[in-house]
């Protein structure tokens, strides 16, 4: 990636909260990620509850994923986008078969970055990622959202469907509203991602006392609704 491309990606990332880079990973690399991830996850015990199709902690079972998490080709690019070295947390594998549960619109309460590599082609029909462009700059507006609670944002003017081909990568801020819908196709939609964090309190540092109080109120109301 040359300097001009890096500057363009940085501008897009700062404005939109995400950026997609096409054909970032080779076919051979995609196949190796998938093969190794499926070998690891086949040994995981079956779980019950929400998000049973998400397998975290691959780096603890295969050093290949530890190396990818810490030193993958995406790491220096993510550092440029974030403006600081990303702190690795975990590597995960997502599988979405027909009728698998969807992840509803939400943002995560942390700074940092996430990378998501498409193993299979992703589109609206098989549950691709969706983003609300620029929502990382309007966190208070979306503070009530929860990954386990349905919220219809299909008509939102800033909605973006992140259709991707195998080997494409999307990098985004956890505070950017994101979700993935159900898979209506007979094929499996797989993806690999890495999570990186920053200062968990950084998102609150620039809020006024009034904004902070309003944010806490929204979170309390959302929590009460979820347990009602």
C-alpha atoms as a PDB file:
ATOM      1  CA  UNK A   1       0.000   0.000   0.000  1.00  0.00           C
ATOM      2  CA  UNK A   2       1.461   3.351  -1.025  1.00  0.00           C
ATOM      3  CA  UNK A   3       1.280   6.597   0.933  1.00  0.00           C
ATOM      4  CA  UNK A   4      -1.619   8.008  -1.089  1.00  0.00           C
ATOM      5  CA  UNK A   5      -3.718   4.859  -0.578  1.00  0.00           C
ATOM      6  CA  UNK A   6      -2.944   4.863   3.140  1.00  0.00           C
ATOM      7  CA  UNK A   7      -4.031   8.506   3.426  1.00  0.00           C
ATOM      8  CA  UNK A   8      -7.272   7.763   1.564  1.00  0.00           C
ATOM      9  CA  UNK A   9      -8.066   4.786   3.795  1.00  0.00           C
ATOM     10  CA  UNK A  10      -7.320   6.870   6.885  1.00  0.00           C
ATOM     11  CA  UNK A  11      -9.690   9.629   5.726  1.00  0.00           C
ATOM     12  CA  UNK A  12     -12.446   7.081   5.005  1.00  0.00           C
ATOM     13  CA  UNK A  13     -11.908   5.376   8.359  1.00  0.00           C
ATOM     14  CA  UNK A  14     -12.025   8.632  10.316  1.00  0.00           C
ATOM     15  CA  UNK A  15     -15.194   9.763   8.516  1.00  0.00           C
ATOM     16  CA  UNK A  16     -17.140   6.502   8.218  1.00  0.00           C
ATOM     17  CA  UNK A  17     -15.804   4.370  11.076  1.00  0.00           C
ATOM     18  CA  UNK A  18     -14.834   1.525   8.741  1.00  0.00           C
ATOM     19  CA  UNK A  19     -12.914   0.825   5.537  1.00  0.00           C
ATOM     20  CA  UNK A  20     -12.959  -2.156   3.152  1.00  0.00           C
ATOM     21  CA  UNK A  21      -9.798  -3.232   1.318  1.00  0.00           C
ATOM     22  CA  UNK A  22     -10.456  -5.592  -1.568  1.00  0.00           C
ATOM     23  CA  UNK A  23      -8.338  -8.705  -2.266  1.00  0.00           C
ATOM     24  CA  UNK A  24      -6.212  -8.110   0.825  1.00  0.00           C
ATOM     25  CA  UNK A  25      -5.668 -11.821   1.534  1.00  0.00           C
ATOM     26  CA  UNK A  26      -4.646 -14.356  -1.120  1.00  0.00           C
ATOM     27  CA  UNK A  27      -6.722 -17.412  -1.974  1.00  0.00           C
ATOM     28  CA  UNK A  28      -4.083 -19.676  -0.404  1.00  0.00           C
ATOM     29  CA  UNK A  29      -4.137 -17.632   2.816  1.00  0.00           C
ATOM     30  CA  UNK A  30      -7.936 -17.723   2.966  1.00  0.00           C
ATOM     31  CA  UNK A  31      -7.895 -21.500   2.561  1.00  0.00           C
ATOM     32  CA  UNK A  32      -5.276 -21.911   5.298  1.00  0.00           C
ATOM     33  CA  UNK A  33      -7.184 -19.673   7.722  1.00  0.00           C
ATOM     34  CA  UNK A  34     -10.372 -21.634   7.075  1.00  0.00           C
ATOM     35  CA  UNK A  35      -8.718 -25.054   7.324  1.00  0.00           C
ATOM     36  CA  UNK A  36      -6.927 -24.239  10.568  1.00  0.00           C
ATOM     37  CA  UNK A  37      -9.953 -22.501  12.112  1.00  0.00           C
ATOM     38  CA  UNK A  38     -12.246 -25.425  11.350  1.00  0.00           C
ATOM     39  CA  UNK A  39      -9.676 -27.838  12.803  1.00  0.00           C
ATOM     40  CA  UNK A  40      -9.584 -25.827  16.031  1.00  0.00           C
ATOM     41  CA  UNK A  41     -13.325 -25.214  16.342  1.00  0.00           C
ATOM     42  CA  UNK A  42     -14.173 -28.867  15.668  1.00  0.00           C
ATOM     43  CA  UNK A  43     -12.673 -29.578  19.094  1.00  0.00           C
ATOM     44  CA  UNK A  44     -14.715 -26.895  20.867  1.00  0.00           C
ATOM     45  CA  UNK A  45     -17.587 -28.192  23.029  1.00  0.00           C
ATOM     46  CA  UNK A  46     -21.107 -27.434  21.861  1.00  0.00           C
ATOM     47  CA  UNK A  47     -22.531 -24.415  23.650  1.00  0.00           C
ATOM     48  CA  UNK A  48     -26.038 -23.151  24.277  1.00  0.00           C
ATOM     49  CA  UNK A  49     -27.407 -19.635  24.374  1.00  0.00           C
ATOM     50  CA  UNK A  50     -26.724 -16.618  22.191  1.00  0.00           C
ATOM     51  CA  UNK A  51     -24.149 -16.518  19.388  1.00  0.00           C
ATOM     52  CA  UNK A  52     -23.235 -20.207  19.355  1.00  0.00           C
ATOM     53  CA  UNK A  53     -21.746 -19.732  15.873  1.00  0.00           C
ATOM     54  CA  UNK A  54     -18.944 -17.466  17.164  1.00  0.00           C
ATOM     55  CA  UNK A  55     -15.710 -19.160  18.235  1.00  0.00           C
ATOM     56  CA  UNK A  56     -13.214 -16.964  20.082  1.00  0.00           C
ATOM     57  CA  UNK A  57      -9.713 -17.687  21.370  1.00  0.00           C
ATOM     58  CA  UNK A  58      -8.234 -19.393  18.296  1.00  0.00           C
ATOM     59  CA  UNK A  59      -4.817 -18.000  19.233  1.00  0.00           C
ATOM     60  CA  UNK A  60      -4.792 -20.165  22.361  1.00  0.00           C
ATOM     61  CA  UNK A  61      -5.080 -23.363  20.317  1.00  0.00           C
ATOM     62  CA  UNK A  62      -2.911 -22.662  17.260  1.00  0.00           C
ATOM     63  CA  UNK A  63       0.181 -20.426  17.141  1.00  0.00           C
ATOM     64  CA  UNK A  64      -0.682 -19.626  13.523  1.00  0.00           C
ATOM     65  CA  UNK A  65      -3.545 -17.477  14.798  1.00  0.00           C
ATOM     66  CA  UNK A  66      -1.396 -15.976  17.554  1.00  0.00           C
ATOM     67  CA  UNK A  67       1.091 -14.817  14.920  1.00  0.00           C
ATOM     68  CA  UNK A  68      -1.703 -13.508  12.704  1.00  0.00           C
ATOM     69  CA  UNK A  69      -3.301 -11.645  15.611  1.00  0.00           C
ATOM     70  CA  UNK A  70      -0.040  -9.993  16.680  1.00  0.00           C
ATOM     71  CA  UNK A  71       1.903  -9.614  13.431  1.00  0.00           C
ATOM     72  CA  UNK A  72      -0.478 -10.095  10.504  1.00  0.00           C
ATOM     73  CA  UNK A  73      -0.200  -7.854   7.433  1.00  0.00           C
ATOM     74  CA  UNK A  74      -3.266  -5.956   8.635  1.00  0.00           C
ATOM     75  CA  UNK A  75      -1.637  -4.822  11.909  1.00  0.00           C
ATOM     76  CA  UNK A  76       0.478  -1.909  10.543  1.00  0.00           C
ATOM     77  CA  UNK A  77      -2.479  -0.707   8.479  1.00  0.00           C
ATOM     78  CA  UNK A  78      -4.767  -0.783  11.500  1.00  0.00           C
ATOM     79  CA  UNK A  79      -2.096   1.113  13.443  1.00  0.00           C
ATOM     80  CA  UNK A  80      -2.148   3.824  10.759  1.00  0.00           C
ATOM     81  CA  UNK A  81      -5.938   4.003  10.878  1.00  0.00           C
ATOM     82  CA  UNK A  82      -6.103   4.165  14.675  1.00  0.00           C
ATOM     83  CA  UNK A  83      -3.094   6.439  15.089  1.00  0.00           C
ATOM     84  CA  UNK A  84      -1.579   4.075  17.665  1.00  0.00           C
ATOM     85  CA  UNK A  85      -0.415   0.489  17.925  1.00  0.00           C
ATOM     86  CA  UNK A  86      -3.423  -1.828  18.368  1.00  0.00           C
ATOM     87  CA  UNK A  87      -3.494  -4.027  21.471  1.00  0.00           C
ATOM     88  CA  UNK A  88      -4.471  -7.590  20.463  1.00  0.00           C
ATOM     89  CA  UNK A  89      -7.282  -9.315  22.335  1.00  0.00           C
ATOM     90  CA  UNK A  90      -8.477 -12.419  20.489  1.00  0.00           C
ATOM     91  CA  UNK A  91      -8.888 -14.108  17.106  1.00  0.00           C
ATOM     92  CA  UNK A  92     -12.303 -15.516  16.202  1.00  0.00           C
ATOM     93  CA  UNK A  93     -14.099 -17.586  13.583  1.00  0.00           C
ATOM     94  CA  UNK A  94     -17.699 -16.905  12.570  1.00  0.00           C
ATOM     95  CA  UNK A  95     -19.871 -19.473  10.802  1.00  0.00           C
ATOM     96  CA  UNK A  96     -23.372 -18.642   9.666  1.00  0.00           C
ATOM     97  CA  UNK A  97     -25.438 -21.468   8.179  1.00  0.00           C
ATOM     98  CA  UNK A  98     -29.054 -21.263   7.065  1.00  0.00           C
ATOM     99  CA  UNK A  99     -31.343 -20.044   9.838  1.00  0.00           C
ATOM    100  CA  UNK A 100     -28.363 -19.367  12.174  1.00  0.00           C
ATOM    101  CA  UNK A 101     -28.985 -16.575  14.641  1.00  0.00           C
ATOM    102  CA  UNK A 102     -28.333 -13.022  13.557  1.00  0.00           C
ATOM    103  CA  UNK A 103     -26.403 -10.385  15.470  1.00  0.00           C
ATOM    104  CA  UNK A 104     -28.537  -7.276  15.880  1.00  0.00           C
ATOM    105  CA  UNK A 105     -27.372  -3.658  15.469  1.00  0.00           C
ATOM    106  CA  UNK A 106     -25.031  -2.597  18.254  1.00  0.00           C
ATOM    107  CA  UNK A 107     -21.792  -0.850  19.077  1.00  0.00           C
ATOM    108  CA  UNK A 108     -19.194  -2.111  21.517  1.00  0.00           C
ATOM    109  CA  UNK A 109     -18.200  -0.126  24.594  1.00  0.00           C
ATOM    110  CA  UNK A 110     -14.512   0.076  23.852  1.00  0.00           C
ATOM    111  CA  UNK A 111     -12.017   1.895  21.718  1.00  0.00           C
ATOM    112  CA  UNK A 112      -9.697   0.017  19.427  1.00  0.00           C
ATOM    113  CA  UNK A 113     -10.276  -1.774  16.154  1.00  0.00           C
ATOM    114  CA  UNK A 114     -11.687  -4.925  14.586  1.00  0.00           C
ATOM    115  CA  UNK A 115     -10.633  -6.652  11.379  1.00  0.00           C
ATOM    116  CA  UNK A 116     -12.943  -9.076   9.566  1.00  0.00           C
ATOM    117  CA  UNK A 117     -11.739 -11.223   6.651  1.00  0.00           C
ATOM    118  CA  UNK A 118     -14.292 -12.832   4.345  1.00  0.00           C
ATOM    119  CA  UNK A 119     -13.730 -16.570   3.919  1.00  0.00           C
ATOM    120  CA  UNK A 120     -16.801 -16.931   1.700  1.00  0.00           C
ATOM    121  CA  UNK A 121     -18.615 -14.397  -0.446  1.00  0.00           C
ATOM    122  CA  UNK A 122     -20.926 -12.331   1.740  1.00  0.00           C
ATOM    123  CA  UNK A 123     -24.054 -10.463   0.683  1.00  0.00           C
ATOM    124  CA  UNK A 124     -27.460  -9.440   1.986  1.00  0.00           C
ATOM    125  CA  UNK A 125     -28.927 -12.902   1.395  1.00  0.00           C
ATOM    126  CA  UNK A 126     -26.368 -14.814   3.460  1.00  0.00           C
ATOM    127  CA  UNK A 127     -25.950 -12.321   6.287  1.00  0.00           C
ATOM    128  CA  UNK A 128     -23.183  -9.886   5.408  1.00  0.00           C
ATOM    129  CA  UNK A 129     -21.964  -7.199   7.780  1.00  0.00           C
ATOM    130  CA  UNK A 130     -23.852  -3.912   7.880  1.00  0.00           C
ATOM    131  CA  UNK A 131     -22.657  -0.559   9.201  1.00  0.00           C
ATOM    132  CA  UNK A 132     -24.180   2.794  10.031  1.00  0.00           C
ATOM    133  CA  UNK A 133     -21.679   5.102   8.410  1.00  0.00           C
ATOM    134  CA  UNK A 134     -20.309   7.742  10.784  1.00  0.00           C
ATOM    135  CA  UNK A 135     -22.080   6.332  13.843  1.00  0.00           C
ATOM    136  CA  UNK A 136     -18.789   6.205  15.774  1.00  0.00           C
ATOM    137  CA  UNK A 137     -19.027   9.998  15.865  1.00  0.00           C
ATOM    138  CA  UNK A 138     -22.577   9.885  17.292  1.00  0.00           C
ATOM    139  CA  UNK A 139     -22.238   7.314  20.077  1.00  0.00           C
ATOM    140  CA  UNK A 140     -24.890   8.818  22.345  1.00  0.00           C
ATOM    141  CA  UNK A 141     -27.509   8.484  19.605  1.00  0.00           C
ATOM    142  CA  UNK A 142     -26.991   4.716  19.397  1.00  0.00           C
ATOM    143  CA  UNK A 143     -26.140   3.904  23.032  1.00  0.00           C
ATOM    144  CA  UNK A 144     -29.433   2.033  23.533  1.00  0.00           C
ATOM    145  CA  UNK A 145     -28.667  -0.657  20.935  1.00  0.00           C
ATOM    146  CA  UNK A 146     -27.972  -4.249  21.981  1.00  0.00           C
ATOM    147  CA  UNK A 147     -26.651  -7.181  19.922  1.00  0.00           C
ATOM    148  CA  UNK A 148     -29.319  -9.417  21.465  1.00  0.00           C
ATOM    149  CA  UNK A 149     -32.267  -7.044  20.897  1.00  0.00           C
ATOM    150  CA  UNK A 150     -33.815  -6.565  17.408  1.00  0.00           C
ATOM    151  CA  UNK A 151     -33.718  -3.009  16.056  1.00  0.00           C
ATOM    152  CA  UNK A 152     -34.780  -2.269  12.487  1.00  0.00           C
ATOM    153  CA  UNK A 153     -32.271   0.083  10.846  1.00  0.00           C
ATOM    154  CA  UNK A 154     -32.966  -1.129   7.303  1.00  0.00           C
ATOM    155  CA  UNK A 155     -34.198   2.301   6.220  1.00  0.00           C
ATOM    156  CA  UNK A 156     -31.486   4.315   7.957  1.00  0.00           C
ATOM    157  CA  UNK A 157     -29.986   6.857   5.516  1.00  0.00           C
ATOM    158  CA  UNK A 158     -26.423   5.972   6.555  1.00  0.00           C
ATOM    159  CA  UNK A 159     -26.841   2.198   6.188  1.00  0.00           C
ATOM    160  CA  UNK A 160     -24.066   0.391   4.292  1.00  0.00           C
ATOM    161  CA  UNK A 161     -24.179  -3.271   3.267  1.00  0.00           C
ATOM    162  CA  UNK A 162     -20.616  -4.598   3.333  1.00  0.00           C
ATOM    163  CA  UNK A 163     -20.808  -7.176   0.540  1.00  0.00           C
ATOM    164  CA  UNK A 164     -17.420  -8.880   0.281  1.00  0.00           C
ATOM    165  CA  UNK A 165     -15.535 -11.492  -1.720  1.00  0.00           C
ATOM    166  CA  UNK A 166     -13.208 -14.100  -0.186  1.00  0.00           C
ATOM    167  CA  UNK A 167      -9.982 -12.350   0.814  1.00  0.00           C
ATOM    168  CA  UNK A 168     -11.548  -8.909   1.248  1.00  0.00           C
ATOM    169  CA  UNK A 169     -10.968  -7.312   4.639  1.00  0.00           C
ATOM    170  CA  UNK A 170     -12.967  -4.719   6.548  1.00  0.00           C
ATOM    171  CA  UNK A 171     -11.434  -2.753   9.401  1.00  0.00           C
ATOM    172  CA  UNK A 172     -13.760  -0.871  11.723  1.00  0.00           C
ATOM    173  CA  UNK A 173     -14.063   0.798  15.080  1.00  0.00           C
ATOM    174  CA  UNK A 174     -16.008  -1.188  17.697  1.00  0.00           C
ATOM    175  CA  UNK A 175     -17.981   1.997  18.368  1.00  0.00           C
ATOM    176  CA  UNK A 176     -19.304   1.997  14.785  1.00  0.00           C
ATOM    177  CA  UNK A 177     -22.812   0.498  14.781  1.00  0.00           C
ATOM    178  CA  UNK A 178     -22.611  -2.896  13.064  1.00  0.00           C
ATOM    179  CA  UNK A 179     -24.572  -6.115  12.694  1.00  0.00           C
ATOM    180  CA  UNK A 180     -25.122  -9.126  10.449  1.00  0.00           C
ATOM    181  CA  UNK A 181     -28.466 -10.463   9.333  1.00  0.00           C
ATOM    182  CA  UNK A 182     -29.711 -14.050   8.972  1.00  0.00           C
ATOM    183  CA  UNK A 183     -28.472 -16.421   6.283  1.00  0.00           C
ATOM    184  CA  UNK A 184     -31.295 -17.179   3.836  1.00  0.00           C
ATOM    185  CA  UNK A 185     -29.124 -19.344   1.569  1.00  0.00           C
ATOM    186  CA  UNK A 186     -28.247 -23.033   1.776  1.00  0.00           C
ATOM    187  CA  UNK A 187     -24.513 -22.296   1.915  1.00  0.00           C
ATOM    188  CA  UNK A 188     -22.382 -21.440   4.947  1.00  0.00           C
ATOM    189  CA  UNK A 189     -21.021 -17.916   5.355  1.00  0.00           C
ATOM    190  CA  UNK A 190     -17.700 -17.910   7.210  1.00  0.00           C
ATOM    191  CA  UNK A 191     -15.495 -15.077   8.410  1.00  0.00           C
ATOM    192  CA  UNK A 192     -12.342 -14.617  10.463  1.00  0.00           C
ATOM    193  CA  UNK A 193     -11.671 -11.637  12.683  1.00  0.00           C
ATOM    194  CA  UNK A 194      -9.273 -10.171  15.201  1.00  0.00           C
ATOM    195  CA  UNK A 195     -10.178  -7.819  18.041  1.00  0.00           C
ATOM    196  CA  UNK A 196      -7.922  -5.029  19.288  1.00  0.00           C
ATOM    197  CA  UNK A 197      -8.660  -2.708  22.192  1.00  0.00           C
ATOM    198  CA  UNK A 198      -7.555   0.617  23.593  1.00  0.00           C
ATOM    199  CA  UNK A 199      -8.404   2.629  26.683  1.00  0.00           C
ATOM    200  CA  UNK A 200     -11.919   1.443  27.723  1.00  0.00           C
ATOM    201  CA  UNK A 201     -12.667   4.854  29.260  1.00  0.00           C
ATOM    202  CA  UNK A 202     -11.438   6.904  26.318  1.00  0.00           C
ATOM    203  CA  UNK A 203     -14.887   7.109  24.731  1.00  0.00           C
ATOM    204  CA  UNK A 204     -16.177   9.080  27.753  1.00  0.00           C
ATOM    205  CA  UNK A 205     -13.328  11.579  28.140  1.00  0.00           C
ATOM    206  CA  UNK A 206     -14.759  14.264  25.852  1.00  0.00           C
ATOM    207  CA  UNK A 207     -18.360  14.041  27.084  1.00  0.00           C
ATOM    208  CA  UNK A 208     -19.869  16.817  29.161  1.00  0.00           C
ATOM    209  CA  UNK A 209     -21.449  15.832  32.509  1.00  0.00           C
ATOM    210  CA  UNK A 210     -24.880  16.239  30.899  1.00  0.00           C
ATOM    211  CA  UNK A 211     -23.962  13.974  27.967  1.00  0.00           C
ATOM    212  CA  UNK A 212     -22.478  11.384  30.314  1.00  0.00           C
ATOM    213  CA  UNK A 213     -25.636  11.382  32.451  1.00  0.00           C
ATOM    214  CA  UNK A 214     -27.834  10.989  29.350  1.00  0.00           C
ATOM    215  CA  UNK A 215     -25.676   8.109  28.109  1.00  0.00           C
ATOM    216  CA  UNK A 216     -25.891   6.306  31.459  1.00  0.00           C
ATOM    217  CA  UNK A 217     -29.672   6.807  31.498  1.00  0.00           C
ATOM    218  CA  UNK A 218     -30.050   5.255  28.038  1.00  0.00           C
ATOM    219  CA  UNK A 219     -27.912   2.279  29.023  1.00  0.00           C
ATOM    220  CA  UNK A 220     -29.950   1.761  32.209  1.00  0.00           C
ATOM    221  CA  UNK A 221     -33.209   1.900  30.265  1.00  0.00           C
ATOM    222  CA  UNK A 222     -31.867  -0.583  27.695  1.00  0.00           C
ATOM    223  CA  UNK A 223     -30.736  -2.957  30.448  1.00  0.00           C
ATOM    224  CA  UNK A 224     -34.128  -2.731  32.175  1.00  0.00           C
ATOM    225  CA  UNK A 225     -35.913  -3.468  28.913  1.00  0.00           C
ATOM    226  CA  UNK A 226     -33.683  -6.492  28.244  1.00  0.00           C
ATOM    227  CA  UNK A 227     -34.520  -8.050  31.616  1.00  0.00           C
ATOM    228  CA  UNK A 228     -38.215  -7.166  31.605  1.00  0.00           C
END
